[in-house]
Amino acid sequence: MPIKDSAKKYMRVTARKTEKNAKIKGQFRSAIKKTLEALKADEPKDAQEWFKKAQKALDKAAQKNVLHKNTAARKKSRLNKQVKAAVKK
């Protein structure tokens, strides 16, 4: 345990930020997972709906510096590629 007050405060701040970041990560991860599940179940319409939600969640995560913007772009691109292939089938 920290002894100095500034270190104690930093621990509280870190705990708050960790909780916030975990919530944001959970949102985009679950949206991606639902999209992939819809693709696996061969439901392209559902996959498109979940892809829109995943896109929004990834953009927000990048905006709030939880993810790097290029990482978010890469994840969106790969997911979009899979959704487009499923819709085309």
PDB file of N, CA and C in Angstrom:
ATOM      1  N   MET A   1       0.836  -1.192   0.000  1.00  0.00           N
ATOM      2  CA  MET A   1       0.000   0.000   0.000  1.00  0.00           C
ATOM      3  C   MET A   1       0.875   1.247   0.000  1.00  0.00           C
ATOM      4  N   PRO A   2       0.440   2.263  -0.727  1.00  0.00           N
ATOM      5  CA  PRO A   2       1.212   3.499  -0.757  1.00  0.00           C
ATOM      6  C   PRO A   2       1.103   4.254   0.575  1.00  0.00           C
ATOM      7  N   ILE A   3       2.103   5.037   0.841  1.00  0.00           N
ATOM      8  CA  ILE A   3       2.139   5.799   2.079  1.00  0.00           C
ATOM      9  C   ILE A   3       1.800   7.259   1.814  1.00  0.00           C
ATOM     10  N   LYS A   4       2.349   7.796   0.731  1.00  0.00           N
ATOM     11  CA  LYS A   4       2.116   9.212   0.423  1.00  0.00           C
ATOM     12  C   LYS A   4       0.700   9.432  -0.087  1.00  0.00           C
ATOM     13  N   ASP A   5       0.173  10.609   0.238  1.00  0.00           N
ATOM     14  CA  ASP A   5      -1.194  10.942  -0.174  1.00  0.00           C
ATOM     15  C   ASP A   5      -1.330  10.993  -1.690  1.00  0.00           C
ATOM     16  N   SER A   6      -0.304  11.488  -2.371  1.00  0.00           N
ATOM     17  CA  SER A   6      -0.374  11.591  -3.830  1.00  0.00           C
ATOM     18  C   SER A   6      -0.429  10.198  -4.459  1.00  0.00           C
ATOM     19  N   ALA A   7       0.287   9.250  -3.865  1.00  0.00           N
ATOM     20  CA  ALA A   7       0.271   7.880  -4.381  1.00  0.00           C
ATOM     21  C   ALA A   7      -1.085   7.231  -4.131  1.00  0.00           C
ATOM     22  N   LYS A   8      -1.694   7.549  -2.991  1.00  0.00           N
ATOM     23  CA  LYS A   8      -3.036   7.022  -2.685  1.00  0.00           C
ATOM     24  C   LYS A   8      -4.045   7.566  -3.684  1.00  0.00           C
ATOM     25  N   LYS A   9      -3.915   8.843  -3.972  1.00  0.00           N
ATOM     26  CA  LYS A   9      -4.828   9.459  -4.934  1.00  0.00           C
ATOM     27  C   LYS A   9      -4.638   8.820  -6.304  1.00  0.00           C
ATOM     28  N   TYR A  10      -3.379   8.590  -6.690  1.00  0.00           N
ATOM     29  CA  TYR A  10      -3.101   7.994  -7.992  1.00  0.00           C
ATOM     30  C   TYR A  10      -3.729   6.601  -8.095  1.00  0.00           C
ATOM     31  N   MET A  11      -3.727   5.868  -7.002  1.00  0.00           N
ATOM     32  CA  MET A  11      -4.369   4.546  -6.988  1.00  0.00           C
ATOM     33  C   MET A  11      -5.871   4.668  -7.229  1.00  0.00           C
ATOM     34  N   ARG A  12      -6.489   5.675  -6.601  1.00  0.00           N
ATOM     35  CA  ARG A  12      -7.934   5.877  -6.794  1.00  0.00           C
ATOM     36  C   ARG A  12      -8.233   6.254  -8.241  1.00  0.00           C
ATOM     37  N   VAL A  13      -7.416   7.137  -8.800  1.00  0.00           N
ATOM     38  CA  VAL A  13      -7.597   7.578 -10.182  1.00  0.00           C
ATOM     39  C   VAL A  13      -7.434   6.389 -11.134  1.00  0.00           C
ATOM     40  N   THR A  14      -6.417   5.587 -10.892  1.00  0.00           N
ATOM     41  CA  THR A  14      -6.154   4.415 -11.729  1.00  0.00           C
ATOM     42  C   THR A  14      -7.332   3.444 -11.679  1.00  0.00           C
ATOM     43  N   ALA A  15      -7.883   3.241 -10.496  1.00  0.00           N
ATOM     44  CA  ALA A  15      -9.023   2.328 -10.350  1.00  0.00           C
ATOM     45  C   ALA A  15     -10.223   2.836 -11.142  1.00  0.00           C
ATOM     46  N   ARG A  16     -10.459   4.149 -11.073  1.00  0.00           N
ATOM     47  CA  ARG A  16     -11.583   4.745 -11.822  1.00  0.00           C
ATOM     48  C   ARG A  16     -11.388   4.585 -13.327  1.00  0.00           C
ATOM     49  N   LYS A  17     -10.180   4.902 -13.784  1.00  0.00           N
ATOM     50  CA  LYS A  17      -9.892   4.822 -15.216  1.00  0.00           C
ATOM     51  C   LYS A  17      -9.965   3.382 -15.720  1.00  0.00           C
ATOM     52  N   THR A  18      -9.467   2.446 -14.920  1.00  0.00           N
ATOM     53  CA  THR A  18      -9.491   1.031 -15.290  1.00  0.00           C
ATOM     54  C   THR A  18     -10.920   0.550 -15.452  1.00  0.00           C
ATOM     55  N   GLU A  19     -11.777   0.961 -14.533  1.00  0.00           N
ATOM     56  CA  GLU A  19     -13.194   0.581 -14.582  1.00  0.00           C
ATOM     57  C   GLU A  19     -13.861   1.151 -15.837  1.00  0.00           C
ATOM     58  N   LYS A  20     -13.583   2.414 -16.132  1.00  0.00           N
ATOM     59  CA  LYS A  20     -14.165   3.065 -17.309  1.00  0.00           C
ATOM     60  C   LYS A  20     -13.683   2.403 -18.595  1.00  0.00           C
ATOM     61  N   ASN A  21     -12.374   2.134 -18.658  1.00  0.00           N
ATOM     62  CA  ASN A  21     -11.804   1.504 -19.849  1.00  0.00           C
ATOM     63  C   ASN A  21     -12.351   0.093 -20.051  1.00  0.00           C
ATOM     64  N   ALA A  22     -12.549  -0.637 -18.960  1.00  0.00           N
ATOM     65  CA  ALA A  22     -13.079  -2.002 -19.048  1.00  0.00           C
ATOM     66  C   ALA A  22     -14.499  -1.981 -19.606  1.00  0.00           C
ATOM     67  N   LYS A  23     -15.273  -0.998 -19.209  1.00  0.00           N
ATOM     68  CA  LYS A  23     -16.645  -0.878 -19.713  1.00  0.00           C
ATOM     69  C   LYS A  23     -16.643  -0.606 -21.219  1.00  0.00           C
ATOM     70  N   ILE A  24     -15.791   0.301 -21.652  1.00  0.00           N
ATOM     71  CA  ILE A  24     -15.715   0.653 -23.075  1.00  0.00           C
ATOM     72  C   ILE A  24     -15.219  -0.545 -23.891  1.00  0.00           C
ATOM     73  N   LYS A  25     -14.197  -1.248 -23.375  1.00  0.00           N
ATOM     74  CA  LYS A  25     -13.678  -2.432 -24.068  1.00  0.00           C
ATOM     75  C   LYS A  25     -14.749  -3.505 -24.171  1.00  0.00           C
ATOM     76  N   GLY A  26     -15.500  -3.684 -23.099  1.00  0.00           N
ATOM     77  CA  GLY A  26     -16.564  -4.690 -23.091  1.00  0.00           C
ATOM     78  C   GLY A  26     -17.618  -4.404 -24.136  1.00  0.00           C
ATOM     79  N   GLN A  27     -17.919  -3.126 -24.345  1.00  0.00           N
ATOM     80  CA  GLN A  27     -18.944  -2.757 -25.318  1.00  0.00           C
ATOM     81  C   GLN A  27     -18.525  -3.124 -26.732  1.00  0.00           C
ATOM     82  N   PHE A  28     -17.297  -2.777 -27.127  1.00  0.00           N
ATOM     83  CA  PHE A  28     -16.923  -3.088 -28.507  1.00  0.00           C
ATOM     84  C   PHE A  28     -16.614  -4.575 -28.683  1.00  0.00           C
ATOM     85  N   ARG A  29     -16.096  -5.212 -27.640  1.00  0.00           N
ATOM     86  CA  ARG A  29     -15.815  -6.644 -27.750  1.00  0.00           C
ATOM     87  C   ARG A  29     -17.104  -7.450 -27.886  1.00  0.00           C
ATOM     88  N   SER A  30     -18.118  -7.088 -27.123  1.00  0.00           N
ATOM     89  CA  SER A  30     -19.384  -7.828 -27.207  1.00  0.00           C
ATOM     90  C   SER A  30     -20.067  -7.579 -28.544  1.00  0.00           C
ATOM     91  N   ALA A  31     -19.966  -6.363 -29.065  1.00  0.00           N
ATOM     92  CA  ALA A  31     -20.569  -6.062 -30.370  1.00  0.00           C
ATOM     93  C   ALA A  31     -19.869  -6.853 -31.474  1.00  0.00           C
ATOM     94  N   ILE A  32     -18.553  -6.958 -31.398  1.00  0.00           N
ATOM     95  CA  ILE A  32     -17.800  -7.738 -32.387  1.00  0.00           C
ATOM     96  C   ILE A  32     -18.186  -9.212 -32.278  1.00  0.00           C
ATOM     97  N   LYS A  33     -18.283  -9.684 -31.048  1.00  0.00           N
ATOM     98  CA  LYS A  33     -18.625 -11.090 -30.811  1.00  0.00           C
ATOM     99  C   LYS A  33     -20.009 -11.408 -31.373  1.00  0.00           C
ATOM    100  N   LYS A  34     -20.975 -10.526 -31.133  1.00  0.00           N
ATOM    101  CA  LYS A  34     -22.338 -10.741 -31.641  1.00  0.00           C
ATOM    102  C   LYS A  34     -22.346 -10.736 -33.167  1.00  0.00           C
ATOM    103  N   THR A  35     -21.543  -9.879 -33.771  1.00  0.00           N
ATOM    104  CA  THR A  35     -21.451  -9.824 -35.232  1.00  0.00           C
ATOM    105  C   THR A  35     -20.918 -11.150 -35.769  1.00  0.00           C
ATOM    106  N   LEU A  36     -19.856 -11.647 -35.150  1.00  0.00           N
ATOM    107  CA  LEU A  36     -19.259 -12.911 -35.593  1.00  0.00           C
ATOM    108  C   LEU A  36     -20.210 -14.090 -35.376  1.00  0.00           C
ATOM    109  N   GLU A  37     -20.965 -14.049 -34.271  1.00  0.00           N
ATOM    110  CA  GLU A  37     -21.949 -15.102 -34.020  1.00  0.00           C
ATOM    111  C   GLU A  37     -23.045 -15.086 -35.072  1.00  0.00           C
ATOM    112  N   ALA A  38     -23.494 -13.898 -35.460  1.00  0.00           N
ATOM    113  CA  ALA A  38     -24.515 -13.773 -36.504  1.00  0.00           C
ATOM    114  C   ALA A  38     -23.985 -14.283 -37.839  1.00  0.00           C
ATOM    115  N   LEU A  39     -22.721 -14.020 -38.109  1.00  0.00           N
ATOM    116  CA  LEU A  39     -22.109 -14.523 -39.344  1.00  0.00           C
ATOM    117  C   LEU A  39     -22.030 -16.049 -39.323  1.00  0.00           C
ATOM    118  N   LYS A  40     -21.665 -16.594 -38.169  1.00  0.00           N
ATOM    119  CA  LYS A  40     -21.549 -18.041 -38.034  1.00  0.00           C
ATOM    120  C   LYS A  40     -22.914 -18.721 -38.169  1.00  0.00           C
ATOM    121  N   ALA A  41     -23.960 -18.037 -37.674  1.00  0.00           N
ATOM    122  CA  ALA A  41     -25.321 -18.571 -37.746  1.00  0.00           C
ATOM    123  C   ALA A  41     -25.946 -18.322 -39.117  1.00  0.00           C
ATOM    124  N   ASP A  42     -25.191 -17.732 -40.023  1.00  0.00           N
ATOM    125  CA  ASP A  42     -25.637 -17.443 -41.391  1.00  0.00           C
ATOM    126  C   ASP A  42     -26.853 -16.506 -41.411  1.00  0.00           C
ATOM    127  N   GLU A  43     -26.737 -15.415 -40.662  1.00  0.00           N
ATOM    128  CA  GLU A  43     -27.777 -14.385 -40.613  1.00  0.00           C
ATOM    129  C   GLU A  43     -27.148 -13.040 -40.992  1.00  0.00           C
ATOM    130  N   PRO A  44     -27.020 -12.769 -42.297  1.00  0.00           N
ATOM    131  CA  PRO A  44     -26.316 -11.545 -42.722  1.00  0.00           C
ATOM    132  C   PRO A  44     -27.001 -10.245 -42.295  1.00  0.00           C
ATOM    133  N   LYS A  45     -28.333 -10.241 -42.197  1.00  0.00           N
ATOM    134  CA  LYS A  45     -29.036  -9.013 -41.777  1.00  0.00           C
ATOM    135  C   LYS A  45     -28.679  -8.663 -40.334  1.00  0.00           C
ATOM    136  N   ASP A  46     -28.705  -9.669 -39.467  1.00  0.00           N
ATOM    137  CA  ASP A  46     -28.323  -9.432 -38.070  1.00  0.00           C
ATOM    138  C   ASP A  46     -26.864  -9.010 -37.972  1.00  0.00           C
ATOM    139  N   ALA A  47     -26.036  -9.633 -38.791  1.00  0.00           N
ATOM    140  CA  ALA A  47     -24.612  -9.305 -38.778  1.00  0.00           C
ATOM    141  C   ALA A  47     -24.401  -7.843 -39.167  1.00  0.00           C
ATOM    142  N   GLN A  48     -25.171  -7.363 -40.140  1.00  0.00           N
ATOM    143  CA  GLN A  48     -25.043  -5.961 -40.558  1.00  0.00           C
ATOM    144  C   GLN A  48     -25.445  -5.022 -39.425  1.00  0.00           C
ATOM    145  N   GLU A  49     -26.530  -5.365 -38.734  1.00  0.00           N
ATOM    146  CA  GLU A  49     -26.984  -4.525 -37.609  1.00  0.00           C
ATOM    147  C   GLU A  49     -25.927  -4.489 -36.505  1.00  0.00           C
ATOM    148  N   TRP A  50     -25.390  -5.661 -36.164  1.00  0.00           N
ATOM    149  CA  TRP A  50     -24.379  -5.708 -35.111  1.00  0.00           C
ATOM    150  C   TRP A  50     -23.086  -5.039 -35.552  1.00  0.00           C
ATOM    151  N   PHE A  51     -22.802  -5.108 -36.859  1.00  0.00           N
ATOM    152  CA  PHE A  51     -21.593  -4.446 -37.361  1.00  0.00           C
ATOM    153  C   PHE A  51     -21.689  -2.939 -37.163  1.00  0.00           C
ATOM    154  N   LYS A  52     -22.868  -2.375 -37.392  1.00  0.00           N
ATOM    155  CA  LYS A  52     -23.053  -0.931 -37.181  1.00  0.00           C
ATOM    156  C   LYS A  52     -22.785  -0.569 -35.725  1.00  0.00           C
ATOM    157  N   LYS A  53     -23.288  -1.414 -34.810  1.00  0.00           N
ATOM    158  CA  LYS A  53     -23.069  -1.157 -33.389  1.00  0.00           C
ATOM    159  C   LYS A  53     -21.589  -1.314 -33.024  1.00  0.00           C
ATOM    160  N   ALA A  54     -20.954  -2.303 -33.628  1.00  0.00           N
ATOM    161  CA  ALA A  54     -19.525  -2.526 -33.364  1.00  0.00           C
ATOM    162  C   ALA A  54     -18.701  -1.351 -33.878  1.00  0.00           C
ATOM    163  N   GLN A  55     -19.065  -0.844 -35.047  1.00  0.00           N
ATOM    164  CA  GLN A  55     -18.378   0.311 -35.625  1.00  0.00           C
ATOM    165  C   GLN A  55     -18.450   1.505 -34.681  1.00  0.00           C
ATOM    166  N   LYS A  56     -19.649   1.761 -34.197  1.00  0.00           N
ATOM    167  CA  LYS A  56     -19.863   2.900 -33.300  1.00  0.00           C
ATOM    168  C   LYS A  56     -19.043   2.728 -32.015  1.00  0.00           C
ATOM    169  N   ALA A  57     -19.067   1.512 -31.458  1.00  0.00           N
ATOM    170  CA  ALA A  57     -18.336   1.246 -30.220  1.00  0.00           C
ATOM    171  C   ALA A  57     -16.828   1.375 -30.431  1.00  0.00           C
ATOM    172  N   LEU A  58     -16.337   0.898 -31.566  1.00  0.00           N
ATOM    173  CA  LEU A  58     -14.899   1.013 -31.858  1.00  0.00           C
ATOM    174  C   LEU A  58     -14.490   2.473 -32.037  1.00  0.00           C
ATOM    175  N   ASP A  59     -15.330   3.242 -32.711  1.00  0.00           N
ATOM    176  CA  ASP A  59     -15.029   4.666 -32.895  1.00  0.00           C
ATOM    177  C   ASP A  59     -14.973   5.391 -31.558  1.00  0.00           C
ATOM    178  N   LYS A  60     -15.906   5.065 -30.675  1.00  0.00           N
ATOM    179  CA  LYS A  60     -15.917   5.706 -29.356  1.00  0.00           C
ATOM    180  C   LYS A  60     -14.687   5.312 -28.552  1.00  0.00           C
ATOM    181  N   ALA A  61     -14.300   4.046 -28.641  1.00  0.00           N
ATOM    182  CA  ALA A  61     -13.114   3.579 -27.911  1.00  0.00           C
ATOM    183  C   ALA A  61     -11.864   4.296 -28.423  1.00  0.00           C
ATOM    184  N   ALA A  62     -11.779   4.494 -29.733  1.00  0.00           N
ATOM    185  CA  ALA A  62     -10.632   5.209 -30.303  1.00  0.00           C
ATOM    186  C   ALA A  62     -10.657   6.676 -29.887  1.00  0.00           C
ATOM    187  N   GLN A  63     -11.845   7.243 -29.860  1.00  0.00           N
ATOM    188  CA  GLN A  63     -11.994   8.651 -29.483  1.00  0.00           C
ATOM    189  C   GLN A  63     -11.571   8.884 -28.033  1.00  0.00           C
ATOM    190  N   LYS A  64     -11.843   7.895 -27.175  1.00  0.00           N
ATOM    191  CA  LYS A  64     -11.523   8.039 -25.756  1.00  0.00           C
ATOM    192  C   LYS A  64     -10.159   7.455 -25.400  1.00  0.00           C
ATOM    193  N   ASN A  65      -9.358   7.163 -26.417  1.00  0.00           N
ATOM    194  CA  ASN A  65      -7.995   6.652 -26.251  1.00  0.00           C
ATOM    195  C   ASN A  65      -7.914   5.320 -25.512  1.00  0.00           C
ATOM    196  N   VAL A  66      -8.952   4.514 -25.622  1.00  0.00           N
ATOM    197  CA  VAL A  66      -8.903   3.167 -25.077  1.00  0.00           C
ATOM    198  C   VAL A  66      -8.212   2.271 -26.107  1.00  0.00           C
ATOM    199  N   LEU A  67      -8.474   2.553 -27.371  1.00  0.00           N
ATOM    200  CA  LEU A  67      -7.829   1.874 -28.494  1.00  0.00           C
ATOM    201  C   LEU A  67      -7.118   2.912 -29.340  1.00  0.00           C
ATOM    202  N   HIS A  68      -6.051   2.508 -30.000  1.00  0.00           N
ATOM    203  CA  HIS A  68      -5.415   3.402 -30.965  1.00  0.00           C
ATOM    204  C   HIS A  68      -6.327   3.495 -32.182  1.00  0.00           C
ATOM    205  N   LYS A  69      -6.348   4.639 -32.828  1.00  0.00           N
ATOM    206  CA  LYS A  69      -7.266   4.845 -33.958  1.00  0.00           C
ATOM    207  C   LYS A  69      -7.010   3.864 -35.095  1.00  0.00           C
ATOM    208  N   ASN A  70      -5.744   3.515 -35.321  1.00  0.00           N
ATOM    209  CA  ASN A  70      -5.436   2.564 -36.387  1.00  0.00           C
ATOM    210  C   ASN A  70      -5.891   1.150 -36.031  1.00  0.00           C
ATOM    211  N   THR A  71      -5.836   0.809 -34.762  1.00  0.00           N
ATOM    212  CA  THR A  71      -6.308  -0.492 -34.307  1.00  0.00           C
ATOM    213  C   THR A  71      -7.810  -0.590 -34.524  1.00  0.00           C
ATOM    214  N   ALA A  72      -8.520   0.465 -34.182  1.00  0.00           N
ATOM    215  CA  ALA A  72      -9.972   0.488 -34.376  1.00  0.00           C
ATOM    216  C   ALA A  72     -10.299   0.383 -35.861  1.00  0.00           C
ATOM    217  N   ALA A  73      -9.555   1.100 -36.686  1.00  0.00           N
ATOM    218  CA  ALA A  73      -9.784   1.064 -38.130  1.00  0.00           C
ATOM    219  C   ALA A  73      -9.526  -0.336 -38.680  1.00  0.00           C
ATOM    220  N   ARG A  74      -8.489  -0.980 -38.196  1.00  0.00           N
ATOM    221  CA  ARG A  74      -8.151  -2.330 -38.657  1.00  0.00           C
ATOM    222  C   ARG A  74      -9.244  -3.320 -38.274  1.00  0.00           C
ATOM    223  N   LYS A  75      -9.717  -3.225 -37.044  1.00  0.00           N
ATOM    224  CA  LYS A  75     -10.781  -4.128 -36.584  1.00  0.00           C
ATOM    225  C   LYS A  75     -12.059  -3.918 -37.390  1.00  0.00           C
ATOM    226  N   LYS A  76     -12.402  -2.654 -37.641  1.00  0.00           N
ATOM    227  CA  LYS A  76     -13.598  -2.360 -38.441  1.00  0.00           C
ATOM    228  C   LYS A  76     -13.449  -2.896 -39.855  1.00  0.00           C
ATOM    229  N   SER A  77     -12.284  -2.719 -40.434  1.00  0.00           N
ATOM    230  CA  SER A  77     -12.035  -3.147 -41.802  1.00  0.00           C
ATOM    231  C   SER A  77     -12.171  -4.665 -41.939  1.00  0.00           C
ATOM    232  N   ARG A  78     -11.566  -5.392 -41.022  1.00  0.00           N
ATOM    233  CA  ARG A  78     -11.616  -6.857 -41.073  1.00  0.00           C
ATOM    234  C   ARG A  78     -13.037  -7.372 -40.863  1.00  0.00           C
ATOM    235  N   LEU A  79     -13.747  -6.739 -39.948  1.00  0.00           N
ATOM    236  CA  LEU A  79     -15.129  -7.149 -39.674  1.00  0.00           C
ATOM    237  C   LEU A  79     -16.024  -6.836 -40.866  1.00  0.00           C
ATOM    238  N   ASN A  80     -15.820  -5.671 -41.452  1.00  0.00           N
ATOM    239  CA  ASN A  80     -16.612  -5.262 -42.613  1.00  0.00           C
ATOM    240  C   ASN A  80     -16.387  -6.218 -43.781  1.00  0.00           C
ATOM    241  N   LYS A  81     -15.165  -6.643 -43.960  1.00  0.00           N
ATOM    242  CA  LYS A  81     -14.823  -7.582 -45.028  1.00  0.00           C
ATOM    243  C   LYS A  81     -15.608  -8.890 -44.868  1.00  0.00           C
ATOM    244  N   GLN A  82     -15.698  -9.380 -43.643  1.00  0.00           N
ATOM    245  CA  GLN A  82     -16.426 -10.617 -43.369  1.00  0.00           C
ATOM    246  C   GLN A  82     -17.928 -10.445 -43.579  1.00  0.00           C
ATOM    247  N   VAL A  83     -18.461  -9.303 -43.141  1.00  0.00           N
ATOM    248  CA  VAL A  83     -19.900  -9.040 -43.276  1.00  0.00           C
ATOM    249  C   VAL A  83     -20.261  -8.926 -44.756  1.00  0.00           C
ATOM    250  N   LYS A  84     -19.452  -8.203 -45.519  1.00  0.00           N
ATOM    251  CA  LYS A  84     -19.722  -8.037 -46.956  1.00  0.00           C
ATOM    252  C   LYS A  84     -19.703  -9.386 -47.675  1.00  0.00           C
ATOM    253  N   ALA A  85     -18.749 -10.246 -47.308  1.00  0.00           N
ATOM    254  CA  ALA A  85     -18.664 -11.571 -47.930  1.00  0.00           C
ATOM    255  C   ALA A  85     -19.899 -12.401 -47.622  1.00  0.00           C
ATOM    256  N   ALA A  86     -20.419 -12.274 -46.404  1.00  0.00           N
ATOM    257  CA  ALA A  86     -21.606 -13.036 -46.003  1.00  0.00           C
ATOM    258  C   ALA A  86     -22.850 -12.524 -46.723  1.00  0.00           C
ATOM    259  N   VAL A  87     -22.953 -11.218 -46.890  1.00  0.00           N
ATOM    260  CA  VAL A  87     -24.107 -10.626 -47.565  1.00  0.00           C
ATOM    261  C   VAL A  87     -24.081 -11.003 -49.058  1.00  0.00           C
ATOM    262  N   LYS A  88     -22.878 -11.056 -49.609  1.00  0.00           N
ATOM    263  CA  LYS A  88     -22.722 -11.364 -51.031  1.00  0.00           C
ATOM    264  C   LYS A  88     -23.170 -12.801 -51.344  1.00  0.00           C
ATOM    265  N   LYS A  89     -22.952 -13.710 -50.372  1.00  0.00           N
ATOM    266  CA  LYS A  89     -23.291 -15.121 -50.583  1.00  0.00           C
ATOM    267  C   LYS A  89     -24.726 -15.369 -50.840  1.00  0.00           C
TER     268      LYS A  89
END
